Amino acid sequence: MDNLFKGAVRFRERSFEKHKEFFRNLGHGQKPHTLFIGCSDSRVVPELITKAMPGELFVVRNIANIVPKYRISKEYAATTAAIEFAVMTLGVENIVICGHSNCGGCHALFKDEEYFKDIPNVEHWLEQAGDIRKQVEENYPGATEEEREWITEQVNIVEQMKNILSYPLIADRYKAGKLNIYGWYYVIATGEVYNYNKETQEFELIKE
């Protein structure tokens, strides 16, 4: 924690002072252009891999970058509420759903009940992705564990792109061409980011 405290001081004394006017303007409100839905994994830093500035991304992160199917809930539906707020209140123009390599949440889909003994809320959260495990097991029966890992991570992204369209007002905006939806796959070890091509149904490396 000592490094975090020192970092906060360095930010205020160096970065903030250098860009004081920029932050002063941000202090009056936000107008992000993109909703970035990513995994909570500590190695996935949206602003780092996109080189975005403060105020550009409205970020939602959870285990395995899951988009719950739309419903009006009496529970505390944090991810659903954040998506609603980004699209309907802030008026973002883009939604990026970003999965990544070596995802612990996707890997846990294949674990037995004993694994979840002390993390029941994680087990409950991942129930939303149960169909993804079935898809991978049925469609890729001969896959090695390494192949199964990246297949699961990519299938998961595609499924979450479908789930986001269960939000009626998002579906309306998307069909009207007022909202773009992207699926990204980030490879931690190489720094590569792949974008899902809906026509070819393949992930393609993002290049200049």
N, C-alpha and C. Protein backbone atom coordinates (compact mmCIF):
# COMPACT_ATOMS: atom_id res chain seq x y z
N MET A 1 0.82 -1.22 0.00
CA MET A 1 0.00 0.00 0.00
C MET A 1 0.85 1.26 0.00
N ASP A 2 2.04 1.17 0.56
CA ASP A 2 2.90 2.34 0.63
C ASP A 2 3.16 2.92 -0.75
N ASN A 3 3.34 2.04 -1.74
CA ASN A 3 3.58 2.51 -3.11
C ASN A 3 2.36 3.23 -3.67
N LEU A 4 1.17 2.79 -3.28
CA LEU A 4 -0.05 3.44 -3.77
C LEU A 4 -0.20 4.84 -3.17
N PHE A 5 0.11 4.97 -1.89
CA PHE A 5 0.06 6.29 -1.25
C PHE A 5 1.07 7.24 -1.91
N LYS A 6 2.27 6.74 -2.13
CA LYS A 6 3.29 7.57 -2.78
C LYS A 6 2.87 7.93 -4.20
N GLY A 7 2.23 6.99 -4.88
CA GLY A 7 1.75 7.25 -6.23
C GLY A 7 0.71 8.35 -6.26
N ALA A 8 -0.18 8.35 -5.27
CA ALA A 8 -1.21 9.40 -5.20
C ALA A 8 -0.58 10.77 -5.03
N VAL A 9 0.48 10.84 -4.25
CA VAL A 9 1.19 12.11 -4.04
C VAL A 9 1.88 12.54 -5.34
N ARG A 10 2.54 11.60 -6.01
CA ARG A 10 3.23 11.93 -7.26
C ARG A 10 2.25 12.39 -8.32
N PHE A 11 1.08 11.76 -8.36
CA PHE A 11 0.06 12.17 -9.33
C PHE A 11 -0.34 13.62 -9.11
N ARG A 12 -0.63 13.97 -7.85
CA ARG A 12 -1.07 15.33 -7.55
C ARG A 12 0.04 16.34 -7.82
N GLU A 13 1.25 15.99 -7.48
CA GLU A 13 2.36 16.94 -7.60
C GLU A 13 2.90 17.07 -9.02
N ARG A 14 2.77 16.00 -9.80
CA ARG A 14 3.37 16.02 -11.14
C ARG A 14 2.31 16.02 -12.25
N SER A 15 1.62 14.90 -12.41
CA SER A 15 0.67 14.77 -13.52
C SER A 15 -0.45 15.80 -13.43
N PHE A 16 -1.05 15.94 -12.24
CA PHE A 16 -2.16 16.89 -12.10
C PHE A 16 -1.69 18.32 -12.35
N GLU A 17 -0.60 18.69 -11.75
CA GLU A 17 -0.11 20.06 -11.92
C GLU A 17 0.22 20.36 -13.38
N LYS A 18 0.75 19.38 -14.09
CA LYS A 18 1.11 19.57 -15.49
C LYS A 18 -0.11 19.74 -16.38
N HIS A 19 -1.23 19.12 -15.99
CA HIS A 19 -2.45 19.16 -16.81
C HIS A 19 -3.62 19.74 -16.01
N LYS A 20 -3.34 20.73 -15.22
CA LYS A 20 -4.34 21.27 -14.29
C LYS A 20 -5.60 21.76 -15.02
N GLU A 21 -5.42 22.44 -16.12
CA GLU A 21 -6.57 22.98 -16.86
C GLU A 21 -7.44 21.87 -17.42
N PHE A 22 -6.79 20.82 -17.90
CA PHE A 22 -7.52 19.66 -18.43
C PHE A 22 -8.40 19.04 -17.35
N PHE A 23 -7.84 18.83 -16.16
CA PHE A 23 -8.61 18.24 -15.08
C PHE A 23 -9.68 19.19 -14.54
N ARG A 24 -9.40 20.49 -14.60
CA ARG A 24 -10.40 21.46 -14.16
C ARG A 24 -11.65 21.38 -15.05
N ASN A 25 -11.44 21.22 -16.35
CA ASN A 25 -12.57 21.07 -17.27
C ASN A 25 -13.33 19.77 -17.02
N LEU A 26 -12.59 18.69 -16.73
CA LEU A 26 -13.24 17.42 -16.42
C LEU A 26 -14.08 17.52 -15.15
N GLY A 27 -13.70 18.42 -14.27
CA GLY A 27 -14.41 18.58 -13.00
C GLY A 27 -15.83 19.06 -13.16
N HIS A 28 -16.19 19.55 -14.35
CA HIS A 28 -17.54 20.06 -14.59
C HIS A 28 -18.49 19.02 -15.16
N GLY A 29 -17.97 17.84 -15.52
CA GLY A 29 -18.84 16.80 -16.07
C GLY A 29 -18.09 15.88 -17.02
N GLN A 30 -18.74 14.79 -17.39
CA GLN A 30 -18.11 13.83 -18.28
C GLN A 30 -18.93 13.62 -19.55
N LYS A 31 -18.24 13.32 -20.63
CA LYS A 31 -18.89 13.01 -21.90
C LYS A 31 -18.08 11.93 -22.61
N PRO A 32 -18.05 10.72 -22.05
CA PRO A 32 -17.27 9.64 -22.67
C PRO A 32 -17.88 9.22 -24.00
N HIS A 33 -17.03 8.82 -24.94
CA HIS A 33 -17.55 8.37 -26.23
C HIS A 33 -17.76 6.87 -26.27
N THR A 34 -17.16 6.14 -25.29
CA THR A 34 -17.21 4.68 -25.34
C THR A 34 -17.46 4.06 -23.97
N LEU A 35 -18.35 3.08 -23.97
CA LEU A 35 -18.55 2.21 -22.80
C LEU A 35 -17.63 1.01 -22.99
N PHE A 36 -16.70 0.82 -22.08
CA PHE A 36 -15.73 -0.28 -22.15
C PHE A 36 -16.09 -1.30 -21.07
N ILE A 37 -16.53 -2.48 -21.49
CA ILE A 37 -16.88 -3.55 -20.56
C ILE A 37 -15.76 -4.58 -20.57
N GLY A 38 -15.02 -4.66 -19.49
CA GLY A 38 -13.87 -5.54 -19.44
C GLY A 38 -13.86 -6.41 -18.21
N CYS A 39 -12.85 -7.26 -18.13
CA CYS A 39 -12.68 -8.15 -16.98
C CYS A 39 -12.02 -7.39 -15.84
N SER A 40 -12.29 -7.84 -14.62
CA SER A 40 -11.67 -7.21 -13.44
C SER A 40 -10.21 -7.58 -13.28
N ASP A 41 -9.71 -8.47 -14.09
CA ASP A 41 -8.32 -8.94 -14.01
C ASP A 41 -7.37 -7.76 -13.88
N SER A 42 -6.44 -7.85 -12.94
CA SER A 42 -5.53 -6.74 -12.65
C SER A 42 -4.58 -6.43 -13.81
N ARG A 43 -4.46 -7.35 -14.75
CA ARG A 43 -3.55 -7.14 -15.88
C ARG A 43 -4.21 -6.44 -17.06
N VAL A 44 -5.51 -6.25 -16.97
CA VAL A 44 -6.27 -5.62 -18.06
C VAL A 44 -6.58 -4.18 -17.65
N VAL A 45 -5.92 -3.23 -18.28
CA VAL A 45 -6.08 -1.81 -17.95
C VAL A 45 -6.60 -1.08 -19.19
N PRO A 46 -7.89 -0.80 -19.25
CA PRO A 46 -8.49 -0.24 -20.47
C PRO A 46 -7.78 1.00 -21.01
N GLU A 47 -7.48 1.95 -20.12
CA GLU A 47 -6.85 3.19 -20.57
C GLU A 47 -5.44 2.94 -21.11
N LEU A 48 -4.79 1.91 -20.60
CA LEU A 48 -3.43 1.59 -21.04
C LEU A 48 -3.44 0.99 -22.44
N ILE A 49 -4.31 0.02 -22.68
CA ILE A 49 -4.29 -0.66 -23.97
C ILE A 49 -4.97 0.14 -25.07
N THR A 50 -5.74 1.17 -24.71
CA THR A 50 -6.36 2.02 -25.73
C THR A 50 -5.69 3.38 -25.84
N LYS A 51 -4.81 3.69 -24.89
CA LYS A 51 -4.17 5.01 -24.81
C LYS A 51 -5.22 6.12 -24.69
N ALA A 52 -6.31 5.82 -24.01
CA ALA A 52 -7.38 6.80 -23.82
C ALA A 52 -7.05 7.75 -22.67
N MET A 53 -7.55 8.97 -22.77
CA MET A 53 -7.37 9.97 -21.72
C MET A 53 -8.53 9.90 -20.73
N PRO A 54 -8.37 10.43 -19.52
CA PRO A 54 -9.48 10.50 -18.59
C PRO A 54 -10.67 11.21 -19.24
N GLY A 55 -11.85 10.66 -19.05
CA GLY A 55 -13.04 11.26 -19.62
C GLY A 55 -13.49 10.63 -20.92
N GLU A 56 -12.66 9.78 -21.53
CA GLU A 56 -13.03 9.16 -22.81
C GLU A 56 -13.79 7.85 -22.65
N LEU A 57 -13.45 7.08 -21.62
CA LEU A 57 -14.06 5.76 -21.43
C LEU A 57 -14.91 5.72 -20.17
N PHE A 58 -16.09 5.15 -20.30
CA PHE A 58 -16.90 4.81 -19.13
C PHE A 58 -16.68 3.31 -18.93
N VAL A 59 -16.02 2.94 -17.85
CA VAL A 59 -15.53 1.57 -17.70
C VAL A 59 -16.36 0.76 -16.72
N VAL A 60 -16.75 -0.44 -17.15
CA VAL A 60 -17.43 -1.41 -16.31
C VAL A 60 -16.59 -2.68 -16.31
N ARG A 61 -16.22 -3.16 -15.14
CA ARG A 61 -15.39 -4.36 -15.06
C ARG A 61 -15.99 -5.36 -14.09
N ASN A 62 -15.96 -6.62 -14.47
CA ASN A 62 -16.41 -7.68 -13.59
C ASN A 62 -15.69 -8.98 -13.98
N ILE A 63 -15.92 -10.03 -13.24
CA ILE A 63 -15.27 -11.31 -13.54
C ILE A 63 -15.76 -11.83 -14.88
N ALA A 64 -14.81 -12.05 -15.80
CA ALA A 64 -15.05 -12.64 -17.12
C ALA A 64 -15.82 -11.72 -18.06
N ASN A 65 -15.78 -10.40 -17.81
CA ASN A 65 -16.43 -9.41 -18.68
C ASN A 65 -17.82 -9.85 -19.15
N ILE A 66 -18.64 -10.23 -18.19
CA ILE A 66 -19.98 -10.73 -18.49
C ILE A 66 -20.99 -9.59 -18.58
N VAL A 67 -21.87 -9.67 -19.57
CA VAL A 67 -22.99 -8.74 -19.69
C VAL A 67 -24.26 -9.51 -19.32
N PRO A 68 -24.82 -9.26 -18.15
CA PRO A 68 -26.06 -9.96 -17.79
C PRO A 68 -27.17 -9.63 -18.77
N LYS A 69 -27.99 -10.61 -19.10
CA LYS A 69 -29.12 -10.34 -19.98
C LYS A 69 -30.04 -9.32 -19.30
N TYR A 70 -30.67 -8.50 -20.12
CA TYR A 70 -31.46 -7.40 -19.57
C TYR A 70 -32.63 -7.90 -18.73
N ARG A 71 -32.81 -7.28 -17.61
CA ARG A 71 -33.98 -7.50 -16.77
C ARG A 71 -34.09 -6.32 -15.83
N ILE A 72 -35.28 -6.06 -15.33
CA ILE A 72 -35.48 -5.05 -14.29
C ILE A 72 -35.44 -5.80 -12.97
N SER A 73 -34.41 -5.55 -12.19
CA SER A 73 -34.14 -6.38 -11.03
C SER A 73 -34.37 -5.64 -9.71
N LYS A 74 -34.81 -6.39 -8.71
CA LYS A 74 -34.93 -5.86 -7.35
C LYS A 74 -33.62 -6.02 -6.59
N GLU A 75 -32.67 -6.72 -7.22
CA GLU A 75 -31.36 -6.88 -6.61
C GLU A 75 -30.52 -5.66 -6.97
N TYR A 76 -29.29 -5.64 -6.49
CA TYR A 76 -28.39 -4.54 -6.81
C TYR A 76 -27.59 -4.91 -8.05
N ALA A 77 -28.19 -4.65 -9.19
CA ALA A 77 -27.63 -5.07 -10.48
C ALA A 77 -26.63 -4.03 -10.98
N ALA A 78 -25.41 -4.11 -10.46
CA ALA A 78 -24.42 -3.07 -10.73
C ALA A 78 -24.04 -2.96 -12.20
N THR A 79 -23.74 -4.10 -12.84
CA THR A 79 -23.32 -4.05 -14.24
C THR A 79 -24.45 -3.56 -15.13
N THR A 80 -25.65 -4.07 -14.90
CA THR A 80 -26.81 -3.65 -15.70
C THR A 80 -27.07 -2.16 -15.52
N ALA A 81 -26.99 -1.67 -14.30
CA ALA A 81 -27.22 -0.25 -14.03
C ALA A 81 -26.17 0.62 -14.71
N ALA A 82 -24.93 0.18 -14.67
CA ALA A 82 -23.85 0.96 -15.29
C ALA A 82 -24.02 1.03 -16.81
N ILE A 83 -24.44 -0.09 -17.42
CA ILE A 83 -24.68 -0.10 -18.86
C ILE A 83 -25.82 0.86 -19.21
N GLU A 84 -26.90 0.79 -18.46
CA GLU A 84 -28.03 1.72 -18.68
C GLU A 84 -27.57 3.17 -18.60
N PHE A 85 -26.80 3.48 -17.57
CA PHE A 85 -26.38 4.85 -17.35
C PHE A 85 -25.49 5.34 -18.48
N ALA A 86 -24.55 4.50 -18.91
CA ALA A 86 -23.62 4.89 -19.97
C ALA A 86 -24.34 5.19 -21.28
N VAL A 87 -25.29 4.33 -21.62
CA VAL A 87 -25.97 4.46 -22.91
C VAL A 87 -27.10 5.49 -22.86
N MET A 88 -27.93 5.42 -21.84
CA MET A 88 -29.13 6.25 -21.82
C MET A 88 -28.91 7.64 -21.23
N THR A 89 -27.99 7.77 -20.29
CA THR A 89 -27.75 9.07 -19.65
C THR A 89 -26.55 9.78 -20.27
N LEU A 90 -25.45 9.06 -20.45
CA LEU A 90 -24.25 9.69 -21.00
C LEU A 90 -24.22 9.69 -22.52
N GLY A 91 -25.01 8.83 -23.12
CA GLY A 91 -25.11 8.82 -24.58
C GLY A 91 -23.85 8.39 -25.31
N VAL A 92 -23.19 7.35 -24.81
CA VAL A 92 -21.97 6.88 -25.49
C VAL A 92 -22.31 6.43 -26.91
N GLU A 93 -21.33 6.52 -27.78
CA GLU A 93 -21.52 6.17 -29.19
C GLU A 93 -21.03 4.75 -29.49
N ASN A 94 -20.20 4.21 -28.61
CA ASN A 94 -19.60 2.90 -28.84
C ASN A 94 -19.66 2.04 -27.57
N ILE A 95 -19.74 0.74 -27.78
CA ILE A 95 -19.60 -0.22 -26.69
C ILE A 95 -18.52 -1.21 -27.10
N VAL A 96 -17.51 -1.37 -26.25
CA VAL A 96 -16.46 -2.36 -26.47
C VAL A 96 -16.56 -3.39 -25.36
N ILE A 97 -16.73 -4.66 -25.74
CA ILE A 97 -16.71 -5.76 -24.78
C ILE A 97 -15.37 -6.47 -24.96
N CYS A 98 -14.52 -6.37 -23.96
CA CYS A 98 -13.14 -6.83 -24.10
C CYS A 98 -12.82 -8.00 -23.17
N GLY A 99 -12.56 -9.15 -23.78
CA GLY A 99 -12.07 -10.30 -23.05
C GLY A 99 -10.56 -10.37 -23.20
N HIS A 100 -9.94 -11.37 -22.59
CA HIS A 100 -8.48 -11.43 -22.63
C HIS A 100 -7.97 -12.85 -22.46
N SER A 101 -6.70 -13.02 -22.77
CA SER A 101 -6.05 -14.32 -22.61
C SER A 101 -5.86 -14.66 -21.13
N ASN A 102 -5.73 -15.95 -20.85
CA ASN A 102 -5.47 -16.41 -19.49
C ASN A 102 -6.50 -15.88 -18.49
N CYS A 103 -7.76 -15.92 -18.89
CA CYS A 103 -8.85 -15.39 -18.05
C CYS A 103 -9.26 -16.41 -17.00
N GLY A 104 -9.10 -16.03 -15.74
CA GLY A 104 -9.44 -16.93 -14.65
C GLY A 104 -10.91 -17.24 -14.58
N GLY A 105 -11.75 -16.26 -14.92
CA GLY A 105 -13.19 -16.47 -14.89
C GLY A 105 -13.63 -17.50 -15.92
N CYS A 106 -13.10 -17.39 -17.12
CA CYS A 106 -13.43 -18.38 -18.17
C CYS A 106 -12.89 -19.75 -17.81
N HIS A 107 -11.70 -19.77 -17.24
CA HIS A 107 -11.09 -21.05 -16.83
C HIS A 107 -11.95 -21.73 -15.76
N ALA A 108 -12.54 -20.92 -14.88
CA ALA A 108 -13.32 -21.46 -13.77
C ALA A 108 -14.63 -22.10 -14.24
N LEU A 109 -15.05 -21.83 -15.46
CA LEU A 109 -16.28 -22.44 -15.98
C LEU A 109 -16.17 -23.96 -16.02
N PHE A 110 -14.95 -24.47 -16.06
CA PHE A 110 -14.73 -25.91 -16.17
C PHE A 110 -14.36 -26.57 -14.83
N LYS A 111 -14.45 -25.78 -13.75
CA LYS A 111 -14.12 -26.31 -12.43
C LYS A 111 -15.31 -27.04 -11.81
N ASP A 112 -15.03 -27.92 -10.84
CA ASP A 112 -16.10 -28.63 -10.14
C ASP A 112 -16.57 -27.82 -8.93
N GLU A 113 -17.56 -28.34 -8.23
CA GLU A 113 -18.17 -27.62 -7.11
C GLU A 113 -17.18 -27.34 -5.99
N GLU A 114 -16.24 -28.23 -5.78
CA GLU A 114 -15.26 -28.08 -4.70
C GLU A 114 -14.47 -26.78 -4.87
N TYR A 115 -14.18 -26.41 -6.10
CA TYR A 115 -13.41 -25.20 -6.39
C TYR A 115 -14.13 -23.96 -5.85
N PHE A 116 -15.45 -23.97 -5.87
CA PHE A 116 -16.24 -22.80 -5.50
C PHE A 116 -16.70 -22.82 -4.03
N LYS A 117 -16.16 -23.75 -3.26
CA LYS A 117 -16.62 -23.93 -1.87
C LYS A 117 -16.59 -22.63 -1.07
N ASP A 118 -15.53 -21.85 -1.22
CA ASP A 118 -15.37 -20.63 -0.43
C ASP A 118 -15.72 -19.36 -1.22
N ILE A 119 -16.13 -19.52 -2.46
CA ILE A 119 -16.48 -18.35 -3.29
C ILE A 119 -17.84 -18.57 -3.97
N PRO A 120 -18.90 -18.72 -3.15
CA PRO A 120 -20.23 -19.03 -3.71
C PRO A 120 -20.78 -17.93 -4.60
N ASN A 121 -20.43 -16.67 -4.33
CA ASN A 121 -20.93 -15.59 -5.17
C ASN A 121 -20.29 -15.61 -6.55
N VAL A 122 -19.04 -16.03 -6.61
CA VAL A 122 -18.38 -16.19 -7.90
C VAL A 122 -19.07 -17.30 -8.70
N GLU A 123 -19.37 -18.40 -8.03
CA GLU A 123 -20.06 -19.50 -8.69
C GLU A 123 -21.40 -19.04 -9.25
N HIS A 124 -22.14 -18.29 -8.44
CA HIS A 124 -23.45 -17.80 -8.88
C HIS A 124 -23.30 -16.85 -10.08
N TRP A 125 -22.30 -15.98 -10.01
CA TRP A 125 -22.07 -15.03 -11.11
C TRP A 125 -21.79 -15.76 -12.42
N LEU A 126 -20.96 -16.80 -12.34
CA LEU A 126 -20.54 -17.51 -13.55
C LEU A 126 -21.63 -18.43 -14.11
N GLU A 127 -22.71 -18.63 -13.34
CA GLU A 127 -23.83 -19.42 -13.87
C GLU A 127 -24.38 -18.79 -15.15
N GLN A 128 -24.20 -17.48 -15.27
CA GLN A 128 -24.69 -16.78 -16.46
C GLN A 128 -23.96 -17.22 -17.72
N ALA A 129 -22.78 -17.81 -17.55
CA ALA A 129 -21.97 -18.23 -18.69
C ALA A 129 -21.95 -19.75 -18.84
N GLY A 130 -22.88 -20.42 -18.20
CA GLY A 130 -22.92 -21.87 -18.26
C GLY A 130 -23.06 -22.43 -19.66
N ASP A 131 -23.82 -21.75 -20.52
CA ASP A 131 -24.01 -22.21 -21.89
C ASP A 131 -22.72 -22.16 -22.69
N ILE A 132 -21.81 -21.28 -22.30
CA ILE A 132 -20.54 -21.17 -23.02
C ILE A 132 -19.73 -22.45 -22.84
N ARG A 133 -19.70 -22.97 -21.64
CA ARG A 133 -19.01 -24.25 -21.40
C ARG A 133 -19.60 -25.35 -22.28
N LYS A 134 -20.92 -25.40 -22.37
CA LYS A 134 -21.58 -26.42 -23.18
C LYS A 134 -21.20 -26.27 -24.65
N GLN A 135 -21.20 -25.03 -25.15
CA GLN A 135 -20.83 -24.78 -26.54
C GLN A 135 -19.43 -25.30 -26.84
N VAL A 136 -18.50 -24.98 -25.97
CA VAL A 136 -17.10 -25.36 -26.20
C VAL A 136 -16.93 -26.87 -26.14
N GLU A 137 -17.55 -27.50 -25.17
CA GLU A 137 -17.41 -28.95 -25.03
C GLU A 137 -18.05 -29.70 -26.20
N GLU A 138 -19.17 -29.18 -26.70
CA GLU A 138 -19.87 -29.85 -27.79
C GLU A 138 -19.22 -29.60 -29.14
N ASN A 139 -18.73 -28.38 -29.36
CA ASN A 139 -18.21 -28.00 -30.68
C ASN A 139 -16.71 -28.25 -30.85
N TYR A 140 -15.98 -28.37 -29.72
CA TYR A 140 -14.53 -28.57 -29.80
C TYR A 140 -14.11 -29.71 -28.87
N PRO A 141 -14.63 -30.92 -29.11
CA PRO A 141 -14.37 -32.04 -28.19
C PRO A 141 -12.91 -32.47 -28.12
N GLY A 142 -12.13 -32.25 -29.18
CA GLY A 142 -10.74 -32.68 -29.18
C GLY A 142 -9.74 -31.61 -28.82
N ALA A 143 -10.22 -30.47 -28.35
CA ALA A 143 -9.32 -29.35 -28.05
C ALA A 143 -8.43 -29.65 -26.85
N THR A 144 -7.17 -29.22 -26.94
CA THR A 144 -6.28 -29.32 -25.78
C THR A 144 -6.72 -28.30 -24.74
N GLU A 145 -6.16 -28.38 -23.54
CA GLU A 145 -6.54 -27.43 -22.50
C GLU A 145 -6.18 -26.00 -22.91
N GLU A 146 -5.03 -25.83 -23.57
CA GLU A 146 -4.63 -24.49 -24.03
C GLU A 146 -5.56 -23.97 -25.12
N GLU A 147 -5.92 -24.85 -26.05
CA GLU A 147 -6.85 -24.45 -27.11
C GLU A 147 -8.23 -24.12 -26.53
N ARG A 148 -8.67 -24.94 -25.58
CA ARG A 148 -9.96 -24.72 -24.95
C ARG A 148 -10.00 -23.37 -24.24
N GLU A 149 -8.86 -22.97 -23.68
CA GLU A 149 -8.80 -21.70 -22.96
C GLU A 149 -9.11 -20.53 -23.87
N TRP A 150 -8.38 -20.42 -24.99
CA TRP A 150 -8.61 -19.25 -25.85
C TRP A 150 -9.91 -19.36 -26.61
N ILE A 151 -10.37 -20.57 -26.91
CA ILE A 151 -11.67 -20.73 -27.56
C ILE A 151 -12.77 -20.23 -26.63
N THR A 152 -12.70 -20.63 -25.37
CA THR A 152 -13.71 -20.22 -24.39
C THR A 152 -13.72 -18.71 -24.22
N GLU A 153 -12.57 -18.11 -24.13
CA GLU A 153 -12.47 -16.66 -23.95
C GLU A 153 -13.09 -15.91 -25.13
N GLN A 154 -12.89 -16.42 -26.33
CA GLN A 154 -13.42 -15.75 -27.51
C GLN A 154 -14.91 -16.01 -27.69
N VAL A 155 -15.35 -17.23 -27.42
CA VAL A 155 -16.79 -17.54 -27.47
C VAL A 155 -17.53 -16.68 -26.46
N ASN A 156 -16.92 -16.49 -25.30
CA ASN A 156 -17.53 -15.67 -24.25
C ASN A 156 -17.77 -14.24 -24.74
N ILE A 157 -16.80 -13.67 -25.43
CA ILE A 157 -16.95 -12.31 -25.95
C ILE A 157 -18.14 -12.22 -26.90
N VAL A 158 -18.23 -13.19 -27.81
CA VAL A 158 -19.32 -13.18 -28.80
C VAL A 158 -20.67 -13.30 -28.10
N GLU A 159 -20.76 -14.14 -27.07
CA GLU A 159 -22.01 -14.29 -26.34
C GLU A 159 -22.40 -13.02 -25.61
N GLN A 160 -21.42 -12.32 -25.07
CA GLN A 160 -21.73 -11.06 -24.37
C GLN A 160 -22.18 -9.98 -25.35
N MET A 161 -21.67 -10.04 -26.59
CA MET A 161 -22.14 -9.11 -27.63
C MET A 161 -23.61 -9.37 -27.95
N LYS A 162 -24.01 -10.61 -27.86
CA LYS A 162 -25.43 -10.95 -28.06
C LYS A 162 -26.26 -10.47 -26.87
N ASN A 163 -25.72 -10.68 -25.66
CA ASN A 163 -26.46 -10.29 -24.46
C ASN A 163 -26.73 -8.80 -24.40
N ILE A 164 -25.79 -7.99 -24.88
CA ILE A 164 -25.97 -6.53 -24.80
C ILE A 164 -27.16 -6.10 -25.65
N LEU A 165 -27.48 -6.88 -26.67
CA LEU A 165 -28.61 -6.54 -27.54
C LEU A 165 -29.94 -6.97 -26.94
N SER A 166 -29.91 -7.61 -25.77
CA SER A 166 -31.17 -7.91 -25.07
C SER A 166 -31.70 -6.67 -24.35
N TYR A 167 -30.88 -5.61 -24.30
CA TYR A 167 -31.33 -4.34 -23.72
C TYR A 167 -32.11 -3.61 -24.81
N PRO A 168 -33.43 -3.46 -24.66
CA PRO A 168 -34.27 -2.95 -25.74
C PRO A 168 -33.79 -1.64 -26.36
N LEU A 169 -33.44 -0.66 -25.54
CA LEU A 169 -33.05 0.63 -26.08
C LEU A 169 -31.68 0.58 -26.74
N ILE A 170 -30.84 -0.33 -26.29
CA ILE A 170 -29.55 -0.52 -26.95
C ILE A 170 -29.76 -1.15 -28.31
N ALA A 171 -30.62 -2.16 -28.37
CA ALA A 171 -30.92 -2.81 -29.65
C ALA A 171 -31.49 -1.80 -30.64
N ASP A 172 -32.38 -0.92 -30.17
CA ASP A 172 -32.97 0.10 -31.05
C ASP A 172 -31.91 1.03 -31.60
N ARG A 173 -31.02 1.48 -30.75
CA ARG A 173 -29.96 2.41 -31.19
C ARG A 173 -28.99 1.72 -32.13
N TYR A 174 -28.69 0.46 -31.86
CA TYR A 174 -27.77 -0.28 -32.71
C TYR A 174 -28.37 -0.47 -34.11
N LYS A 175 -29.63 -0.86 -34.17
CA LYS A 175 -30.29 -1.08 -35.46
C LYS A 175 -30.41 0.22 -36.25
N ALA A 176 -30.53 1.34 -35.53
CA ALA A 176 -30.67 2.65 -36.18
C ALA A 176 -29.32 3.23 -36.60
N GLY A 177 -28.23 2.52 -36.28
CA GLY A 177 -26.90 3.00 -36.65
C GLY A 177 -26.38 4.10 -35.75
N LYS A 178 -26.98 4.24 -34.56
CA LYS A 178 -26.56 5.28 -33.63
C LYS A 178 -25.60 4.78 -32.56
N LEU A 179 -25.35 3.48 -32.57
CA LEU A 179 -24.50 2.87 -31.55
C LEU A 179 -23.70 1.74 -32.18
N ASN A 180 -22.39 1.73 -31.94
CA ASN A 180 -21.51 0.68 -32.45
C ASN A 180 -21.17 -0.29 -31.33
N ILE A 181 -21.12 -1.58 -31.65
CA ILE A 181 -20.79 -2.60 -30.67
C ILE A 181 -19.60 -3.41 -31.19
N TYR A 182 -18.54 -3.49 -30.36
CA TYR A 182 -17.32 -4.18 -30.76
C TYR A 182 -16.97 -5.27 -29.74
N GLY A 183 -16.37 -6.34 -30.23
CA GLY A 183 -15.84 -7.38 -29.37
C GLY A 183 -14.33 -7.45 -29.52
N TRP A 184 -13.60 -7.27 -28.44
CA TRP A 184 -12.14 -7.28 -28.48
C TRP A 184 -11.58 -8.45 -27.68
N TYR A 185 -10.46 -8.97 -28.18
CA TYR A 185 -9.73 -10.01 -27.45
C TYR A 185 -8.29 -9.54 -27.27
N TYR A 186 -7.90 -9.34 -26.02
CA TYR A 186 -6.59 -8.80 -25.68
C TYR A 186 -5.66 -9.92 -25.22
N VAL A 187 -4.51 -10.04 -25.88
CA VAL A 187 -3.52 -11.06 -25.52
C VAL A 187 -2.47 -10.40 -24.62
N ILE A 188 -2.49 -10.75 -23.37
CA ILE A 188 -1.65 -10.07 -22.38
C ILE A 188 -0.16 -10.20 -22.70
N ALA A 189 0.28 -11.38 -23.07
CA ALA A 189 1.71 -11.65 -23.25
C ALA A 189 2.31 -10.95 -24.47
N THR A 190 1.48 -10.56 -25.45
CA THR A 190 2.00 -9.95 -26.67
C THR A 190 1.57 -8.51 -26.88
N GLY A 191 0.55 -8.07 -26.13
CA GLY A 191 0.02 -6.73 -26.31
C GLY A 191 -0.89 -6.60 -27.51
N GLU A 192 -1.20 -7.70 -28.17
CA GLU A 192 -2.07 -7.66 -29.36
C GLU A 192 -3.54 -7.57 -28.96
N VAL A 193 -4.31 -6.83 -29.74
CA VAL A 193 -5.75 -6.73 -29.53
C VAL A 193 -6.44 -7.13 -30.84
N TYR A 194 -7.37 -8.05 -30.73
CA TYR A 194 -8.10 -8.55 -31.90
C TYR A 194 -9.55 -8.06 -31.84
N ASN A 195 -10.08 -7.65 -32.97
CA ASN A 195 -11.46 -7.18 -33.06
C ASN A 195 -12.31 -8.23 -33.78
N TYR A 196 -13.51 -8.48 -33.27
CA TYR A 196 -14.39 -9.49 -33.86
C TYR A 196 -15.07 -8.95 -35.11
N ASN A 197 -14.89 -9.66 -36.21
CA ASN A 197 -15.53 -9.31 -37.48
C ASN A 197 -16.84 -10.08 -37.57
N LYS A 198 -17.96 -9.38 -37.51
CA LYS A 198 -19.26 -10.03 -37.50
C LYS A 198 -19.55 -10.77 -38.80
N GLU A 199 -18.98 -10.33 -39.91
CA GLU A 199 -19.24 -10.97 -41.19
C GLU A 199 -18.49 -12.28 -41.33
N THR A 200 -17.20 -12.28 -40.99
CA THR A 200 -16.40 -13.49 -41.09
C THR A 200 -16.48 -14.35 -39.84
N GLN A 201 -17.01 -13.77 -38.77
CA GLN A 201 -17.10 -14.42 -37.46
C GLN A 201 -15.73 -14.87 -36.95
N GLU A 202 -14.75 -14.00 -37.19
CA GLU A 202 -13.40 -14.27 -36.73
C GLU A 202 -12.83 -13.03 -36.04
N PHE A 203 -11.86 -13.27 -35.15
CA PHE A 203 -11.17 -12.17 -34.49
C PHE A 203 -9.95 -11.78 -35.35
N GLU A 204 -9.86 -10.51 -35.68
CA GLU A 204 -8.80 -10.02 -36.56
C GLU A 204 -7.92 -9.03 -35.80
N LEU A 205 -6.63 -9.17 -35.98
CA LEU A 205 -5.68 -8.29 -35.32
C LEU A 205 -5.91 -6.83 -35.72
N ILE A 206 -6.01 -5.95 -34.74
CA ILE A 206 -6.15 -4.52 -35.01
C ILE A 206 -4.80 -3.98 -35.44
N LYS A 207 -4.72 -3.45 -36.66
CA LYS A 207 -3.50 -2.89 -37.19
C LYS A 207 -3.78 -1.51 -37.78
N GLU A 208 -2.72 -0.72 -37.96
CA GLU A 208 -2.90 0.60 -38.54
C GLU A 208 -3.30 0.47 -40.01
